[in-house]
Amino acid sequence: MQEASMTGFLQTILIIVLVYYGIKFIGRYLFPIFFQKLVKNMEKKVKEQQGYQQPEEKINVGETTIEKAPRETKGKSNNVGEYVDYEEVDDK
């Protein structure tokens, strides 16, 4: 029967820790960059399929003002409907 050496055990633990932090690093920093590139490529393909054309120049018309109409306050209505009382009918 072979005995495990202490240095072999420490090497194994060190490798496991390095792999863990390597995966953690990739997940935190490199995956979002990869994902952004993937999303941009997909958007580009979808735009090409739909025949989307970007306008060659943007026209600046000026300032635009949007005014919102005040909300109308609706009072609560006490009339909630007609109450119907149901009775059970026994079939004999």
PDB file of N, CA and C in Angstrom:
ATOM      1  N   MET A   1       0.847  -1.171   0.000  1.00  0.00           N
ATOM      2  CA  MET A   1       0.000   0.000   0.000  1.00  0.00           C
ATOM      3  C   MET A   1       0.893   1.234   0.000  1.00  0.00           C
ATOM      4  N   GLN A   2       0.509   2.197  -0.836  1.00  0.00           N
ATOM      5  CA  GLN A   2       1.321   3.404  -0.927  1.00  0.00           C
ATOM      6  C   GLN A   2       0.780   4.465   0.023  1.00  0.00           C
ATOM      7  N   GLU A   3       1.699   5.230   0.539  1.00  0.00           N
ATOM      8  CA  GLU A   3       1.318   6.323   1.413  1.00  0.00           C
ATOM      9  C   GLU A   3       1.445   7.638   0.659  1.00  0.00           C
ATOM     10  N   ALA A   4       0.526   8.530   0.893  1.00  0.00           N
ATOM     11  CA  ALA A   4       0.572   9.833   0.251  1.00  0.00           C
ATOM     12  C   ALA A   4       1.571  10.712   0.973  1.00  0.00           C
ATOM     13  N   SER A   5       2.393  11.388   0.220  1.00  0.00           N
ATOM     14  CA  SER A   5       3.371  12.271   0.842  1.00  0.00           C
ATOM     15  C   SER A   5       2.716  13.618   1.141  1.00  0.00           C
ATOM     16  N   MET A   6       3.276  14.318   2.080  1.00  0.00           N
ATOM     17  CA  MET A   6       2.733  15.607   2.483  1.00  0.00           C
ATOM     18  C   MET A   6       2.881  16.625   1.354  1.00  0.00           C
ATOM     19  N   THR A   7       3.968  16.575   0.611  1.00  0.00           N
ATOM     20  CA  THR A   7       4.159  17.533  -0.486  1.00  0.00           C
ATOM     21  C   THR A   7       3.161  17.269  -1.610  1.00  0.00           C
ATOM     22  N   GLY A   8       2.856  16.025  -1.896  1.00  0.00           N
ATOM     23  CA  GLY A   8       1.858  15.695  -2.913  1.00  0.00           C
ATOM     24  C   GLY A   8       0.485  16.199  -2.520  1.00  0.00           C
ATOM     25  N   PHE A   9       0.161  16.056  -1.236  1.00  0.00           N
ATOM     26  CA  PHE A   9      -1.118  16.533  -0.732  1.00  0.00           C
ATOM     27  C   PHE A   9      -1.214  18.056  -0.857  1.00  0.00           C
ATOM     28  N   LEU A  10      -0.161  18.766  -0.457  1.00  0.00           N
ATOM     29  CA  LEU A  10      -0.150  20.224  -0.546  1.00  0.00           C
ATOM     30  C   LEU A  10      -0.210  20.688  -2.004  1.00  0.00           C
ATOM     31  N   GLN A  11       0.461  19.956  -2.898  1.00  0.00           N
ATOM     32  CA  GLN A  11       0.407  20.283  -4.317  1.00  0.00           C
ATOM     33  C   GLN A  11      -1.025  20.157  -4.847  1.00  0.00           C
ATOM     34  N   THR A  12      -1.701  19.109  -4.451  1.00  0.00           N
ATOM     35  CA  THR A  12      -3.079  18.894  -4.893  1.00  0.00           C
ATOM     36  C   THR A  12      -3.988  20.012  -4.388  1.00  0.00           C
ATOM     37  N   ILE A  13      -3.843  20.379  -3.128  1.00  0.00           N
ATOM     38  CA  ILE A  13      -4.642  21.460  -2.552  1.00  0.00           C
ATOM     39  C   ILE A  13      -4.344  22.772  -3.288  1.00  0.00           C
ATOM     40  N   LEU A  14      -3.068  23.052  -3.570  1.00  0.00           N
ATOM     41  CA  LEU A  14      -2.681  24.271  -4.270  1.00  0.00           C
ATOM     42  C   LEU A  14      -3.287  24.310  -5.680  1.00  0.00           C
ATOM     43  N   ILE A  15      -3.266  23.195  -6.379  1.00  0.00           N
ATOM     44  CA  ILE A  15      -3.834  23.131  -7.725  1.00  0.00           C
ATOM     45  C   ILE A  15      -5.342  23.380  -7.684  1.00  0.00           C
ATOM     46  N   ILE A  16      -6.024  22.787  -6.715  1.00  0.00           N
ATOM     47  CA  ILE A  16      -7.470  22.987  -6.578  1.00  0.00           C
ATOM     48  C   ILE A  16      -7.788  24.449  -6.314  1.00  0.00           C
ATOM     49  N   VAL A  17      -7.018  25.096  -5.441  1.00  0.00           N
ATOM     50  CA  VAL A  17      -7.251  26.511  -5.126  1.00  0.00           C
ATOM     51  C   VAL A  17      -6.980  27.381  -6.347  1.00  0.00           C
ATOM     52  N   LEU A  18      -5.915  27.110  -7.088  1.00  0.00           N
ATOM     53  CA  LEU A  18      -5.597  27.889  -8.282  1.00  0.00           C
ATOM     54  C   LEU A  18      -6.672  27.729  -9.359  1.00  0.00           C
ATOM     55  N   VAL A  19      -7.172  26.533  -9.552  1.00  0.00           N
ATOM     56  CA  VAL A  19      -8.231  26.303 -10.527  1.00  0.00           C
ATOM     57  C   VAL A  19      -9.499  27.043 -10.097  1.00  0.00           C
ATOM     58  N   TYR A  20      -9.811  27.016  -8.817  1.00  0.00           N
ATOM     59  CA  TYR A  20     -10.998  27.710  -8.309  1.00  0.00           C
ATOM     60  C   TYR A  20     -10.904  29.203  -8.588  1.00  0.00           C
ATOM     61  N   TYR A  21      -9.777  29.821  -8.215  1.00  0.00           N
ATOM     62  CA  TYR A  21      -9.635  31.260  -8.436  1.00  0.00           C
ATOM     63  C   TYR A  21      -9.508  31.602  -9.924  1.00  0.00           C
ATOM     64  N   GLY A  22      -8.979  30.695 -10.721  1.00  0.00           N
ATOM     65  CA  GLY A  22      -8.920  30.911 -12.163  1.00  0.00           C
ATOM     66  C   GLY A  22     -10.305  30.953 -12.766  1.00  0.00           C
ATOM     67  N   ILE A  23     -11.158  30.023 -12.387  1.00  0.00           N
ATOM     68  CA  ILE A  23     -12.539  29.999 -12.873  1.00  0.00           C
ATOM     69  C   ILE A  23     -13.294  31.235 -12.379  1.00  0.00           C
ATOM     70  N   LYS A  24     -13.044  31.628 -11.138  1.00  0.00           N
ATOM     71  CA  LYS A  24     -13.680  32.811 -10.577  1.00  0.00           C
ATOM     72  C   LYS A  24     -13.259  34.065 -11.350  1.00  0.00           C
ATOM     73  N   PHE A  25     -11.983  34.169 -11.710  1.00  0.00           N
ATOM     74  CA  PHE A  25     -11.473  35.298 -12.479  1.00  0.00           C
ATOM     75  C   PHE A  25     -12.111  35.346 -13.863  1.00  0.00           C
ATOM     76  N   ILE A  26     -12.165  34.204 -14.512  1.00  0.00           N
ATOM     77  CA  ILE A  26     -12.758  34.137 -15.856  1.00  0.00           C
ATOM     78  C   ILE A  26     -14.229  34.527 -15.796  1.00  0.00           C
ATOM     79  N   GLY A  27     -14.940  34.028 -14.808  1.00  0.00           N
ATOM     80  CA  GLY A  27     -16.361  34.334 -14.678  1.00  0.00           C
ATOM     81  C   GLY A  27     -16.627  35.794 -14.396  1.00  0.00           C
ATOM     82  N   ARG A  28     -15.753  36.430 -13.648  1.00  0.00           N
ATOM     83  CA  ARG A  28     -15.993  37.804 -13.251  1.00  0.00           C
ATOM     84  C   ARG A  28     -15.531  38.817 -14.291  1.00  0.00           C
ATOM     85  N   TYR A  29     -14.415  38.573 -14.957  1.00  0.00           N
ATOM     86  CA  TYR A  29     -13.848  39.579 -15.838  1.00  0.00           C
ATOM     87  C   TYR A  29     -13.935  39.230 -17.323  1.00  0.00           C
ATOM     88  N   LEU A  30     -13.666  38.014 -17.681  1.00  0.00           N
ATOM     89  CA  LEU A  30     -13.610  37.672 -19.100  1.00  0.00           C
ATOM     90  C   LEU A  30     -14.974  37.291 -19.668  1.00  0.00           C
ATOM     91  N   PHE A  31     -15.831  36.665 -18.901  1.00  0.00           N
ATOM     92  CA  PHE A  31     -17.146  36.260 -19.402  1.00  0.00           C
ATOM     93  C   PHE A  31     -18.000  37.453 -19.827  1.00  0.00           C
ATOM     94  N   PRO A  32     -18.064  38.549 -19.036  1.00  0.00           N
ATOM     95  CA  PRO A  32     -18.867  39.700 -19.483  1.00  0.00           C
ATOM     96  C   PRO A  32     -18.362  40.294 -20.802  1.00  0.00           C
ATOM     97  N   ILE A  33     -17.054  40.326 -21.003  1.00  0.00           N
ATOM     98  CA  ILE A  33     -16.506  40.848 -22.255  1.00  0.00           C
ATOM     99  C   ILE A  33     -16.919  39.943 -23.412  1.00  0.00           C
ATOM    100  N   PHE A  34     -16.796  38.646 -23.218  1.00  0.00           N
ATOM    101  CA  PHE A  34     -17.199  37.682 -24.241  1.00  0.00           C
ATOM    102  C   PHE A  34     -18.688  37.808 -24.536  1.00  0.00           C
ATOM    103  N   PHE A  35     -19.487  37.970 -23.499  1.00  0.00           N
ATOM    104  CA  PHE A  35     -20.936  38.064 -23.651  1.00  0.00           C
ATOM    105  C   PHE A  35     -21.329  39.329 -24.409  1.00  0.00           C
ATOM    106  N   GLN A  36     -20.664  40.462 -24.136  1.00  0.00           N
ATOM    107  CA  GLN A  36     -20.962  41.702 -24.852  1.00  0.00           C
ATOM    108  C   GLN A  36     -20.668  41.566 -26.336  1.00  0.00           C
ATOM    109  N   LYS A  37     -19.561  40.931 -26.680  1.00  0.00           N
ATOM    110  CA  LYS A  37     -19.230  40.724 -28.080  1.00  0.00           C
ATOM    111  C   LYS A  37     -20.259  39.818 -28.745  1.00  0.00           C
ATOM    112  N   LEU A  38     -20.706  38.805 -28.045  1.00  0.00           N
ATOM    113  CA  LEU A  38     -21.710  37.891 -28.573  1.00  0.00           C
ATOM    114  C   LEU A  38     -23.019  38.627 -28.833  1.00  0.00           C
ATOM    115  N   VAL A  39     -23.432  39.479 -27.916  1.00  0.00           N
ATOM    116  CA  VAL A  39     -24.682  40.233 -28.066  1.00  0.00           C
ATOM    117  C   VAL A  39     -24.576  41.199 -29.244  1.00  0.00           C
ATOM    118  N   LYS A  40     -23.445  41.872 -29.397  1.00  0.00           N
ATOM    119  CA  LYS A  40     -23.269  42.803 -30.512  1.00  0.00           C
ATOM    120  C   LYS A  40     -23.340  42.069 -31.844  1.00  0.00           C
ATOM    121  N   ASN A  41     -22.720  40.892 -31.917  1.00  0.00           N
ATOM    122  CA  ASN A  41     -22.781  40.110 -33.155  1.00  0.00           C
ATOM    123  C   ASN A  41     -24.209  39.677 -33.466  1.00  0.00           C
ATOM    124  N   MET A  42     -24.950  39.273 -32.445  1.00  0.00           N
ATOM    125  CA  MET A  42     -26.336  38.856 -32.653  1.00  0.00           C
ATOM    126  C   MET A  42     -27.195  40.038 -33.123  1.00  0.00           C
ATOM    127  N   GLU A  43     -26.991  41.215 -32.523  1.00  0.00           N
ATOM    128  CA  GLU A  43     -27.732  42.401 -32.946  1.00  0.00           C
ATOM    129  C   GLU A  43     -27.429  42.723 -34.403  1.00  0.00           C
ATOM    130  N   LYS A  44     -26.176  42.620 -34.772  1.00  0.00           N
ATOM    131  CA  LYS A  44     -25.769  42.911 -36.142  1.00  0.00           C
ATOM    132  C   LYS A  44     -26.448  41.953 -37.119  1.00  0.00           C
ATOM    133  N   LYS A  45     -26.492  40.672 -36.770  1.00  0.00           N
ATOM    134  CA  LYS A  45     -27.130  39.683 -37.631  1.00  0.00           C
ATOM    135  C   LYS A  45     -28.628  39.938 -37.756  1.00  0.00           C
ATOM    136  N   VAL A  46     -29.275  40.288 -36.662  1.00  0.00           N
ATOM    137  CA  VAL A  46     -30.718  40.542 -36.684  1.00  0.00           C
ATOM    138  C   VAL A  46     -31.013  41.765 -37.550  1.00  0.00           C
ATOM    139  N   LYS A  47     -30.203  42.801 -37.411  1.00  0.00           N
ATOM    140  CA  LYS A  47     -30.414  44.007 -38.213  1.00  0.00           C
ATOM    141  C   LYS A  47     -30.213  43.707 -39.692  1.00  0.00           C
ATOM    142  N   GLU A  48     -29.249  42.879 -40.013  1.00  0.00           N
ATOM    143  CA  GLU A  48     -29.023  42.509 -41.406  1.00  0.00           C
ATOM    144  C   GLU A  48     -30.195  41.705 -41.954  1.00  0.00           C
ATOM    145  N   GLN A  49     -30.736  40.798 -41.150  1.00  0.00           N
ATOM    146  CA  GLN A  49     -31.860  39.980 -41.592  1.00  0.00           C
ATOM    147  C   GLN A  49     -33.108  40.823 -41.814  1.00  0.00           C
ATOM    148  N   GLN A  50     -33.296  41.849 -41.001  1.00  0.00           N
ATOM    149  CA  GLN A  50     -34.488  42.675 -41.121  1.00  0.00           C
ATOM    150  C   GLN A  50     -34.324  43.773 -42.161  1.00  0.00           C
ATOM    151  N   GLY A  51     -33.155  43.882 -42.741  1.00  0.00           N
ATOM    152  CA  GLY A  51     -32.921  44.897 -43.756  1.00  0.00           C
ATOM    153  C   GLY A  51     -32.827  46.283 -43.168  1.00  0.00           C
ATOM    154  N   TYR A  52     -32.335  46.385 -41.966  1.00  0.00           N
ATOM    155  CA  TYR A  52     -32.221  47.658 -41.283  1.00  0.00           C
ATOM    156  C   TYR A  52     -31.105  48.479 -41.915  1.00  0.00           C
ATOM    157  N   GLN A  53     -31.399  49.752 -42.202  1.00  0.00           N
ATOM    158  CA  GLN A  53     -30.385  50.658 -42.718  1.00  0.00           C
ATOM    159  C   GLN A  53     -30.301  51.846 -41.784  1.00  0.00           C
ATOM    160  N   GLN A  54     -29.080  52.188 -41.399  1.00  0.00           N
ATOM    161  CA  GLN A  54     -28.903  53.329 -40.527  1.00  0.00           C
ATOM    162  C   GLN A  54     -29.050  54.615 -41.337  1.00  0.00           C
ATOM    163  N   PRO A  55     -29.675  55.624 -40.763  1.00  0.00           N
ATOM    164  CA  PRO A  55     -29.767  56.899 -41.466  1.00  0.00           C
ATOM    165  C   PRO A  55     -28.372  57.496 -41.621  1.00  0.00           C
ATOM    166  N   GLU A  56     -28.158  58.143 -42.772  1.00  0.00           N
ATOM    167  CA  GLU A  56     -26.831  58.666 -43.041  1.00  0.00           C
ATOM    168  C   GLU A  56     -26.533  59.905 -42.217  1.00  0.00           C
ATOM    169  N   GLU A  57     -27.539  60.688 -41.916  1.00  0.00           N
ATOM    170  CA  GLU A  57     -27.321  61.862 -41.091  1.00  0.00           C
ATOM    171  C   GLU A  57     -28.510  62.055 -40.170  1.00  0.00           C
ATOM    172  N   LYS A  58     -28.216  62.621 -39.031  1.00  0.00           N
ATOM    173  CA  LYS A  58     -29.280  62.900 -38.088  1.00  0.00           C
ATOM    174  C   LYS A  58     -29.710  64.349 -38.245  1.00  0.00           C
ATOM    175  N   ILE A  59     -30.996  64.573 -38.219  1.00  0.00           N
ATOM    176  CA  ILE A  59     -31.530  65.915 -38.379  1.00  0.00           C
ATOM    177  C   ILE A  59     -31.890  66.435 -36.997  1.00  0.00           C
ATOM    178  N   ASN A  60     -31.309  67.573 -36.644  1.00  0.00           N
ATOM    179  CA  ASN A  60     -31.593  68.183 -35.361  1.00  0.00           C
ATOM    180  C   ASN A  60     -32.643  69.264 -35.582  1.00  0.00           C
ATOM    181  N   VAL A  61     -33.835  69.049 -35.110  1.00  0.00           N
ATOM    182  CA  VAL A  61     -34.938  69.967 -35.336  1.00  0.00           C
ATOM    183  C   VAL A  61     -34.908  71.101 -34.327  1.00  0.00           C
ATOM    184  N   GLY A  62     -34.502  70.851 -33.144  1.00  0.00           N
ATOM    185  CA  GLY A  62     -34.492  71.870 -32.095  1.00  0.00           C
ATOM    186  C   GLY A  62     -34.963  71.263 -30.798  1.00  0.00           C
ATOM    187  N   GLU A  63     -35.342  72.111 -29.893  1.00  0.00           N
ATOM    188  CA  GLU A  63     -35.801  71.630 -28.596  1.00  0.00           C
ATOM    189  C   GLU A  63     -37.230  71.126 -28.693  1.00  0.00           C
ATOM    190  N   THR A  64     -37.491  70.073 -27.990  1.00  0.00           N
ATOM    191  CA  THR A  64     -38.829  69.510 -27.944  1.00  0.00           C
ATOM    192  C   THR A  64     -39.315  69.559 -26.504  1.00  0.00           C
ATOM    193  N   THR A  65     -40.490  70.078 -26.310  1.00  0.00           N
ATOM    194  CA  THR A  65     -41.050  70.174 -24.968  1.00  0.00           C
ATOM    195  C   THR A  65     -42.268  69.268 -24.889  1.00  0.00           C
ATOM    196  N   ILE A  66     -42.286  68.447 -23.878  1.00  0.00           N
ATOM    197  CA  ILE A  66     -43.413  67.559 -23.661  1.00  0.00           C
ATOM    198  C   ILE A  66     -44.078  67.976 -22.365  1.00  0.00           C
ATOM    199  N   GLU A  67     -45.325  68.339 -22.472  1.00  0.00           N
ATOM    200  CA  GLU A  67     -46.073  68.718 -21.286  1.00  0.00           C
ATOM    201  C   GLU A  67     -47.078  67.634 -20.981  1.00  0.00           C
ATOM    202  N   LYS A  68     -47.075  67.209 -19.755  1.00  0.00           N
ATOM    203  CA  LYS A  68     -48.005  66.165 -19.351  1.00  0.00           C
ATOM    204  C   LYS A  68     -49.270  66.801 -18.781  1.00  0.00           C
ATOM    205  N   ALA A  69     -50.394  66.240 -19.172  1.00  0.00           N
ATOM    206  CA  ALA A  69     -51.668  66.697 -18.641  1.00  0.00           C
ATOM    207  C   ALA A  69     -51.803  66.216 -17.204  1.00  0.00           C
ATOM    208  N   PRO A  70     -52.384  67.029 -16.340  1.00  0.00           N
ATOM    209  CA  PRO A  70     -52.543  66.592 -14.948  1.00  0.00           C
ATOM    210  C   PRO A  70     -53.486  65.399 -14.869  1.00  0.00           C
ATOM    211  N   ARG A  71     -53.188  64.525 -13.968  1.00  0.00           N
ATOM    212  CA  ARG A  71     -54.032  63.340 -13.790  1.00  0.00           C
ATOM    213  C   ARG A  71     -55.364  63.739 -13.183  1.00  0.00           C
ATOM    214  N   GLU A  72     -56.397  63.111 -13.674  1.00  0.00           N
ATOM    215  CA  GLU A  72     -57.712  63.345 -13.106  1.00  0.00           C
ATOM    216  C   GLU A  72     -57.879  62.426 -11.909  1.00  0.00           C
ATOM    217  N   THR A  73     -58.300  62.995 -10.813  1.00  0.00           N
ATOM    218  CA  THR A  73     -58.507  62.178  -9.624  1.00  0.00           C
ATOM    219  C   THR A  73     -59.917  61.613  -9.687  1.00  0.00           C
ATOM    220  N   LYS A  74     -59.986  60.345  -9.567  1.00  0.00           N
ATOM    221  CA  LYS A  74     -61.287  59.677  -9.582  1.00  0.00           C
ATOM    222  C   LYS A  74     -61.659  59.327  -8.155  1.00  0.00           C
ATOM    223  N   GLY A  75     -62.807  59.746  -7.750  1.00  0.00           N
ATOM    224  CA  GLY A  75     -63.287  59.431  -6.420  1.00  0.00           C
ATOM    225  C   GLY A  75     -63.754  57.988  -6.354  1.00  0.00           C
ATOM    226  N   LYS A  76     -63.695  57.428  -5.180  1.00  0.00           N
ATOM    227  CA  LYS A  76     -64.157  56.050  -5.023  1.00  0.00           C
ATOM    228  C   LYS A  76     -65.666  56.001  -5.112  1.00  0.00           C
ATOM    229  N   SER A  77     -66.136  55.018  -5.808  1.00  0.00           N
ATOM    230  CA  SER A  77     -67.574  54.853  -5.955  1.00  0.00           C
ATOM    231  C   SER A  77     -68.065  53.838  -4.931  1.00  0.00           C
ATOM    232  N   ASN A  78     -69.135  54.188  -4.255  1.00  0.00           N
ATOM    233  CA  ASN A  78     -69.717  53.264  -3.282  1.00  0.00           C
ATOM    234  C   ASN A  78     -70.584  52.217  -3.966  1.00  0.00           C
ATOM    235  N   ASN A  79     -70.903  52.421  -5.220  1.00  0.00           N
ATOM    236  CA  ASN A  79     -71.728  51.493  -5.963  1.00  0.00           C
ATOM    237  C   ASN A  79     -70.805  50.410  -6.537  1.00  0.00           C
ATOM    238  N   VAL A  80     -70.759  49.273  -5.868  1.00  0.00           N
ATOM    239  CA  VAL A  80     -69.865  48.210  -6.310  1.00  0.00           C
ATOM    240  C   VAL A  80     -70.602  47.135  -7.088  1.00  0.00           C
ATOM    241  N   GLY A  81     -71.882  47.270  -7.255  1.00  0.00           N
ATOM    242  CA  GLY A  81     -72.629  46.290  -8.020  1.00  0.00           C
ATOM    243  C   GLY A  81     -73.775  45.706  -7.210  1.00  0.00           C
ATOM    244  N   GLU A  82     -74.471  44.791  -7.823  1.00  0.00           N
ATOM    245  CA  GLU A  82     -75.632  44.189  -7.192  1.00  0.00           C
ATOM    246  C   GLU A  82     -75.207  42.896  -6.500  1.00  0.00           C
ATOM    247  N   TYR A  83     -75.686  42.692  -5.281  1.00  0.00           N
ATOM    248  CA  TYR A  83     -75.363  41.492  -4.528  1.00  0.00           C
ATOM    249  C   TYR A  83     -76.400  40.430  -4.849  1.00  0.00           C
ATOM    250  N   VAL A  84     -75.909  39.236  -5.220  1.00  0.00           N
ATOM    251  CA  VAL A  84     -76.811  38.134  -5.544  1.00  0.00           C
ATOM    252  C   VAL A  84     -76.568  37.026  -4.532  1.00  0.00           C
ATOM    253  N   ASP A  85     -77.651  36.589  -3.893  1.00  0.00           N
ATOM    254  CA  ASP A  85     -77.550  35.532  -2.903  1.00  0.00           C
ATOM    255  C   ASP A  85     -77.945  34.218  -3.565  1.00  0.00           C
ATOM    256  N   TYR A  86     -77.081  33.237  -3.503  1.00  0.00           N
ATOM    257  CA  TYR A  86     -77.336  31.940  -4.114  1.00  0.00           C
ATOM    258  C   TYR A  86     -77.743  30.941  -3.042  1.00  0.00           C
ATOM    259  N   GLU A  87     -78.681  30.086  -3.395  1.00  0.00           N
ATOM    260  CA  GLU A  87     -79.098  29.031  -2.485  1.00  0.00           C
ATOM    261  C   GLU A  87     -78.789  27.686  -3.123  1.00  0.00           C
ATOM    262  N   GLU A  88     -78.443  26.709  -2.276  1.00  0.00           N
ATOM    263  CA  GLU A  88     -78.185  25.373  -2.800  1.00  0.00           C
ATOM    264  C   GLU A  88     -79.507  24.677  -3.105  1.00  0.00           C
ATOM    265  N   VAL A  89     -79.525  23.937  -4.216  1.00  0.00           N
ATOM    266  CA  VAL A  89     -80.710  23.195  -4.607  1.00  0.00           C
ATOM    267  C   VAL A  89     -80.347  21.732  -4.543  1.00  0.00           C
ATOM    268  N   ASP A  90     -81.104  20.964  -3.751  1.00  0.00           N
ATOM    269  CA  ASP A  90     -80.827  19.527  -3.625  1.00  0.00           C
ATOM    270  C   ASP A  90     -81.583  18.776  -4.725  1.00  0.00           C
ATOM    271  N   ASP A  91     -80.874  17.924  -5.435  1.00  0.00           N
ATOM    272  CA  ASP A  91     -81.514  17.074  -6.444  1.00  0.00           C
ATOM    273  C   ASP A  91     -81.897  15.765  -5.764  1.00  0.00           C
ATOM    274  N   LYS A  92     -83.184  15.421  -5.789  1.00  0.00           N
ATOM    275  CA  LYS A  92     -83.639  14.199  -5.135  1.00  0.00           C
ATOM    276  C   LYS A  92     -84.145  13.218  -6.131  1.00  0.00           C
TER     277      LYS A  92
END
